[in-house]
């Protein structure tokens, strides 16, 4: 199955001063992500990349924890990661 990457931003957003709505949500994602999921925390958003089922399973707890800690908005973008190992049809 295809891998997927999600990128999420949690508001309210304050550069260099993430509140618990951000830090606790990222901690929940990091704690739940298996070894096949790579988490990258950036200055304007966080991404999770890996097997589609494992990554999609992070979305519900991400929202729950962020909202429980005061988030006013959560933006999530998802993109499939093309399978470059498929050599079917090549000679």
Protein backbone atom coordinates (compact mmCIF):
# COMPACT_ATOMS: atom_id res chain seq x y z
CA UNK A 1 0.00 0.00 0.00
CA UNK A 2 1.05 3.59 -0.58
CA UNK A 3 2.76 5.69 2.03
CA UNK A 4 1.27 9.06 2.92
CA UNK A 5 2.50 12.28 4.40
CA UNK A 6 0.36 14.61 6.49
CA UNK A 7 1.31 18.08 7.54
CA UNK A 8 -0.57 19.81 10.31
CA UNK A 9 -0.67 23.27 11.82
CA UNK A 10 -2.41 24.00 15.10
CA UNK A 11 -3.73 27.45 16.00
CA UNK A 12 -3.52 29.82 17.70
CA UNK A 13 -0.01 30.12 16.34
CA UNK A 14 2.72 32.00 18.20
CA UNK A 15 6.27 31.65 16.80
CA UNK A 16 8.76 30.39 19.40
CA UNK A 17 5.96 30.13 22.00
CA UNK A 18 3.93 27.00 21.29
CA UNK A 19 1.23 26.52 23.88
CA UNK A 20 0.02 23.21 25.28
CA UNK A 21 -2.47 22.89 22.42
CA UNK A 22 0.59 22.45 20.18
CA UNK A 23 3.12 20.72 22.44
CA UNK A 24 0.70 18.13 23.84
CA UNK A 25 -0.71 17.30 20.39
CA UNK A 26 2.79 16.80 18.97
CA UNK A 27 3.72 14.67 21.98
CA UNK A 28 0.62 12.50 21.43
CA UNK A 29 1.53 12.00 17.75
CA UNK A 30 5.15 11.17 18.61
CA UNK A 31 4.07 8.72 21.34
CA UNK A 32 1.57 6.93 19.06
CA UNK A 33 3.68 6.85 15.90
CA UNK A 34 5.23 3.47 15.26
CA UNK A 35 8.76 2.88 14.06
CA UNK A 36 7.66 3.15 10.40
CA UNK A 37 6.35 6.71 10.84
CA UNK A 38 8.75 9.63 10.66
CA UNK A 39 7.75 12.78 12.55
CA UNK A 40 9.32 16.11 11.64
CA UNK A 41 8.57 19.16 13.77
CA UNK A 42 9.10 22.42 11.94
CA UNK A 43 8.68 26.09 12.84
CA UNK A 44 5.32 26.42 11.07
CA UNK A 45 3.96 22.88 11.08
CA UNK A 46 4.62 19.25 11.81
CA UNK A 47 4.63 16.32 9.39
CA UNK A 48 4.16 12.59 9.77
CA UNK A 49 5.16 10.27 6.93
CA UNK A 50 4.76 6.52 6.68
CA UNK A 51 2.32 3.71 5.91
CA UNK A 52 -1.13 5.08 5.19
CA UNK A 53 -2.92 3.24 7.99
CA UNK A 54 -0.38 4.21 10.65
CA UNK A 55 -0.36 7.87 9.63
CA UNK A 56 -4.14 8.21 9.30
CA UNK A 57 -4.55 6.66 12.76
CA UNK A 58 -2.75 9.71 14.20
CA UNK A 59 -5.33 12.23 12.98
CA UNK A 60 -8.05 11.53 15.57
CA UNK A 61 -5.79 11.70 18.65
CA UNK A 62 -4.06 14.76 17.20
CA UNK A 63 -7.38 16.59 16.99
CA UNK A 64 -8.65 15.36 20.35
CA UNK A 65 -5.54 16.39 22.29
CA UNK A 66 -5.13 19.73 20.51
CA UNK A 67 -8.78 20.69 21.08
CA UNK A 68 -8.70 19.55 24.72
CA UNK A 69 -5.74 21.89 25.23
CA UNK A 70 -7.24 25.00 23.65
CA UNK A 71 -6.69 24.75 19.89
CA UNK A 72 -8.99 27.00 17.88
CA UNK A 73 -8.15 25.52 14.49
CA UNK A 74 -6.29 22.50 13.13
CA UNK A 75 -5.28 22.37 9.48
CA UNK A 76 -4.23 19.05 7.98
CA UNK A 77 -2.96 18.42 4.47
CA UNK A 78 -2.27 14.96 3.15
CA UNK A 79 -0.27 13.78 0.17
CA UNK A 80 0.39 10.28 -1.13
CA UNK A 81 4.04 9.31 -1.48
CA UNK A 82 4.61 7.68 -4.87
CA UNK A 83 5.90 4.10 -4.79
CA UNK A 84 9.22 4.31 -6.63
CA UNK A 85 10.02 0.64 -6.00
CA UNK A 86 7.33 -0.69 -8.36
CA UNK A 87 9.18 -2.05 -11.39
CA UNK A 88 6.18 -3.85 -12.88
CA UNK A 89 6.25 -3.67 -16.64
CA UNK A 90 9.92 -2.78 -16.88
CA UNK A 91 12.26 -5.03 -18.84
